[in-house]
Amino acid sequence: MRCSISLLEYHGWSADDVSTRIVGHHAQAIWTPALTNDARRCSTLGRKVDPTGTRPDKQPIIDVAEIHRRVLSLLSS
């Protein structure tokens, strides 16, 4: 978490930027025209496997919302 705080501070990002700067892999694993010449794939998920995983209990392995909460808590202290 401290590394996240350091990066936010280094770039001059505020607490308001946490949710757009700290994102899960799933949010980034989108096919774009630059990555495929198959128009059917553009804007669809699937380029890579999401590291949040597929646990049977549906709990994320990496809970991005929890990371947001922890980083915001550290920023406020």
N, C-alpha and C. Protein backbone atom coordinates (compact mmCIF):
# COMPACT_ATOMS: atom_id res chain seq x y z
N MET A 1 0.81 -1.18 0.00
CA MET A 1 0.00 0.00 0.00
C MET A 1 0.87 1.26 0.00
N ARG A 2 1.98 1.20 0.71
CA ARG A 2 2.87 2.37 0.77
C ARG A 2 3.40 2.74 -0.61
N CYS A 3 3.65 1.74 -1.43
CA CYS A 3 4.12 1.99 -2.78
C CYS A 3 3.04 2.75 -3.58
N SER A 4 1.80 2.36 -3.39
CA SER A 4 0.70 3.05 -4.06
C SER A 4 0.64 4.51 -3.63
N ILE A 5 0.79 4.75 -2.33
CA ILE A 5 0.78 6.11 -1.81
C ILE A 5 1.93 6.92 -2.42
N SER A 6 3.10 6.32 -2.47
CA SER A 6 4.26 7.00 -3.04
C SER A 6 4.04 7.37 -4.50
N LEU A 7 3.45 6.46 -5.26
CA LEU A 7 3.18 6.74 -6.67
C LEU A 7 2.15 7.86 -6.82
N LEU A 8 1.11 7.82 -6.01
CA LEU A 8 0.11 8.88 -6.06
C LEU A 8 0.74 10.24 -5.76
N GLU A 9 1.54 10.28 -4.71
CA GLU A 9 2.19 11.53 -4.32
C GLU A 9 3.18 12.00 -5.39
N TYR A 10 3.97 11.09 -5.92
CA TYR A 10 4.97 11.44 -6.93
C TYR A 10 4.32 12.10 -8.15
N HIS A 11 3.18 11.55 -8.58
CA HIS A 11 2.50 12.08 -9.76
C HIS A 11 1.56 13.24 -9.46
N GLY A 12 1.41 13.56 -8.18
CA GLY A 12 0.52 14.66 -7.81
C GLY A 12 -0.95 14.31 -7.90
N TRP A 13 -1.25 13.02 -7.82
CA TRP A 13 -2.64 12.58 -7.87
C TRP A 13 -3.23 12.66 -6.47
N SER A 14 -4.50 12.96 -6.40
CA SER A 14 -5.17 13.11 -5.11
C SER A 14 -6.01 11.88 -4.77
N ALA A 15 -6.65 11.92 -3.62
CA ALA A 15 -7.54 10.84 -3.21
C ALA A 15 -8.67 10.66 -4.23
N ASP A 16 -9.05 11.74 -4.89
CA ASP A 16 -10.10 11.65 -5.91
C ASP A 16 -9.67 10.80 -7.11
N ASP A 17 -8.37 10.63 -7.29
CA ASP A 17 -7.85 9.87 -8.42
C ASP A 17 -7.66 8.38 -8.14
N VAL A 18 -7.82 7.97 -6.90
CA VAL A 18 -7.52 6.58 -6.51
C VAL A 18 -8.29 5.58 -7.37
N SER A 19 -9.58 5.79 -7.56
CA SER A 19 -10.38 4.79 -8.28
C SER A 19 -10.07 4.72 -9.77
N THR A 20 -9.50 5.78 -10.34
CA THR A 20 -9.13 5.73 -11.75
C THR A 20 -7.68 5.35 -11.97
N ARG A 21 -6.84 5.50 -10.94
CA ARG A 21 -5.42 5.17 -11.07
C ARG A 21 -5.10 3.77 -10.59
N ILE A 22 -5.87 3.26 -9.65
CA ILE A 22 -5.67 1.89 -9.16
C ILE A 22 -6.84 1.07 -9.71
N VAL A 23 -6.54 0.28 -10.72
CA VAL A 23 -7.59 -0.50 -11.38
C VAL A 23 -7.16 -1.95 -11.47
N GLY A 24 -8.12 -2.81 -11.63
CA GLY A 24 -7.84 -4.22 -11.77
C GLY A 24 -7.47 -4.57 -13.21
N HIS A 25 -6.84 -5.69 -13.36
CA HIS A 25 -6.44 -6.17 -14.67
C HIS A 25 -7.66 -6.30 -15.59
N HIS A 26 -8.77 -6.75 -15.04
CA HIS A 26 -9.98 -6.97 -15.81
C HIS A 26 -10.40 -5.69 -16.54
N ALA A 27 -10.22 -4.54 -15.89
CA ALA A 27 -10.58 -3.27 -16.51
C ALA A 27 -9.67 -2.92 -17.69
N GLN A 28 -8.49 -3.50 -17.72
CA GLN A 28 -7.52 -3.20 -18.77
C GLN A 28 -7.44 -4.27 -19.86
N ALA A 29 -7.99 -5.43 -19.62
CA ALA A 29 -7.86 -6.54 -20.56
C ALA A 29 -8.95 -6.46 -21.63
N ILE A 30 -8.91 -5.40 -22.41
CA ILE A 30 -9.90 -5.15 -23.45
C ILE A 30 -9.21 -5.16 -24.80
N TRP A 31 -9.79 -5.85 -25.76
CA TRP A 31 -9.24 -5.83 -27.11
C TRP A 31 -9.47 -4.44 -27.70
N THR A 32 -8.47 -3.90 -28.34
CA THR A 32 -8.57 -2.61 -29.02
C THR A 32 -8.15 -2.80 -30.48
N PRO A 33 -8.49 -1.83 -31.34
CA PRO A 33 -8.07 -1.95 -32.75
C PRO A 33 -6.56 -2.09 -32.90
N ALA A 34 -5.80 -1.52 -31.99
CA ALA A 34 -4.34 -1.62 -32.06
C ALA A 34 -3.85 -3.04 -31.76
N LEU A 35 -4.65 -3.83 -31.06
CA LEU A 35 -4.23 -5.17 -30.66
C LEU A 35 -4.81 -6.28 -31.52
N THR A 36 -5.80 -5.96 -32.33
CA THR A 36 -6.40 -6.99 -33.18
C THR A 36 -6.95 -6.35 -34.45
N ASN A 37 -6.93 -7.11 -35.52
CA ASN A 37 -7.58 -6.62 -36.73
C ASN A 37 -8.91 -7.34 -36.94
N ASP A 38 -9.40 -7.96 -35.88
CA ASP A 38 -10.70 -8.63 -35.89
C ASP A 38 -11.72 -7.68 -35.25
N ALA A 39 -12.51 -7.02 -36.06
CA ALA A 39 -13.47 -6.02 -35.56
C ALA A 39 -14.46 -6.60 -34.57
N ARG A 40 -14.72 -7.91 -34.66
CA ARG A 40 -15.67 -8.53 -33.72
C ARG A 40 -15.13 -8.55 -32.30
N ARG A 41 -13.81 -8.54 -32.14
CA ARG A 41 -13.20 -8.61 -30.82
C ARG A 41 -13.09 -7.24 -30.15
N CYS A 42 -13.07 -6.18 -30.92
CA CYS A 42 -12.85 -4.84 -30.35
C CYS A 42 -13.85 -4.55 -29.24
N SER A 43 -13.35 -3.98 -28.16
CA SER A 43 -14.14 -3.59 -26.99
C SER A 43 -14.70 -4.78 -26.22
N THR A 44 -14.16 -5.98 -26.43
CA THR A 44 -14.61 -7.13 -25.66
C THR A 44 -13.50 -7.58 -24.72
N LEU A 45 -13.90 -8.23 -23.65
CA LEU A 45 -12.94 -8.78 -22.71
C LEU A 45 -12.30 -10.02 -23.29
N GLY A 46 -11.17 -10.40 -22.72
CA GLY A 46 -10.64 -11.69 -23.07
C GLY A 46 -9.20 -11.74 -23.49
N ARG A 47 -8.52 -10.61 -23.56
CA ARG A 47 -7.14 -10.64 -24.01
C ARG A 47 -6.27 -11.45 -23.07
N LYS A 48 -6.54 -11.34 -21.77
CA LYS A 48 -5.74 -12.05 -20.78
C LYS A 48 -6.67 -12.53 -19.66
N VAL A 49 -6.19 -13.46 -18.88
CA VAL A 49 -6.97 -13.96 -17.76
C VAL A 49 -6.88 -12.96 -16.62
N ASP A 50 -8.00 -12.63 -16.02
CA ASP A 50 -8.07 -11.68 -14.92
C ASP A 50 -7.50 -12.32 -13.65
N PRO A 51 -6.47 -11.70 -13.02
CA PRO A 51 -5.88 -12.31 -11.83
C PRO A 51 -6.77 -12.29 -10.60
N THR A 52 -7.97 -11.68 -10.70
CA THR A 52 -8.87 -11.80 -9.58
C THR A 52 -9.37 -13.23 -9.48
N GLY A 53 -9.21 -13.98 -10.55
CA GLY A 53 -9.48 -15.41 -10.51
C GLY A 53 -10.95 -15.77 -10.54
N THR A 54 -11.20 -17.04 -10.43
CA THR A 54 -12.57 -17.55 -10.46
C THR A 54 -12.76 -18.51 -9.29
N ARG A 55 -12.67 -17.97 -8.08
CA ARG A 55 -12.85 -18.80 -6.89
C ARG A 55 -14.29 -19.29 -6.82
N PRO A 56 -14.51 -20.49 -6.30
CA PRO A 56 -15.87 -21.03 -6.20
C PRO A 56 -16.80 -20.14 -5.36
N ASP A 57 -16.25 -19.44 -4.35
CA ASP A 57 -17.10 -18.60 -3.51
C ASP A 57 -17.29 -17.20 -4.10
N LYS A 58 -16.76 -16.96 -5.30
CA LYS A 58 -16.90 -15.70 -6.03
C LYS A 58 -16.21 -14.51 -5.37
N GLN A 59 -15.42 -14.76 -4.33
CA GLN A 59 -14.66 -13.69 -3.71
C GLN A 59 -13.43 -13.41 -4.57
N PRO A 60 -13.16 -12.13 -4.86
CA PRO A 60 -12.00 -11.84 -5.69
C PRO A 60 -10.70 -12.15 -4.96
N ILE A 61 -9.72 -12.63 -5.71
CA ILE A 61 -8.39 -12.89 -5.15
C ILE A 61 -7.72 -11.55 -4.87
N ILE A 62 -7.87 -10.62 -5.79
CA ILE A 62 -7.39 -9.25 -5.60
C ILE A 62 -8.63 -8.37 -5.59
N ASP A 63 -8.99 -7.86 -4.44
CA ASP A 63 -10.19 -7.04 -4.28
C ASP A 63 -9.81 -5.58 -4.47
N VAL A 64 -10.02 -5.07 -5.67
CA VAL A 64 -9.62 -3.70 -5.99
C VAL A 64 -10.35 -2.69 -5.10
N ALA A 65 -11.60 -2.94 -4.80
CA ALA A 65 -12.35 -2.03 -3.92
C ALA A 65 -11.71 -1.96 -2.53
N GLU A 66 -11.23 -3.10 -2.03
CA GLU A 66 -10.56 -3.13 -0.73
C GLU A 66 -9.24 -2.37 -0.80
N ILE A 67 -8.52 -2.51 -1.88
CA ILE A 67 -7.28 -1.76 -2.05
C ILE A 67 -7.58 -0.27 -2.07
N HIS A 68 -8.64 0.13 -2.77
CA HIS A 68 -9.04 1.55 -2.76
C HIS A 68 -9.28 2.02 -1.32
N ARG A 69 -10.03 1.23 -0.56
CA ARG A 69 -10.35 1.62 0.83
C ARG A 69 -9.08 1.77 1.65
N ARG A 70 -8.17 0.82 1.52
CA ARG A 70 -6.93 0.88 2.31
C ARG A 70 -6.05 2.07 1.92
N VAL A 71 -5.92 2.31 0.64
CA VAL A 71 -5.11 3.44 0.19
C VAL A 71 -5.73 4.76 0.65
N LEU A 72 -7.03 4.88 0.52
CA LEU A 72 -7.71 6.11 0.97
C LEU A 72 -7.54 6.31 2.48
N SER A 73 -7.60 5.20 3.22
CA SER A 73 -7.41 5.29 4.67
C SER A 73 -6.00 5.78 4.98
N LEU A 74 -5.00 5.25 4.30
CA LEU A 74 -3.62 5.69 4.52
C LEU A 74 -3.42 7.14 4.11
N LEU A 75 -4.07 7.54 3.03
CA LEU A 75 -3.94 8.93 2.58
C LEU A 75 -4.52 9.90 3.60
N SER A 76 -5.59 9.48 4.26
CA SER A 76 -6.23 10.38 5.21
C SER A 76 -5.54 10.43 6.57
N SER A 77 -4.62 9.48 6.82
CA SER A 77 -3.94 9.48 8.11
C SER A 77 -2.59 10.17 8.06
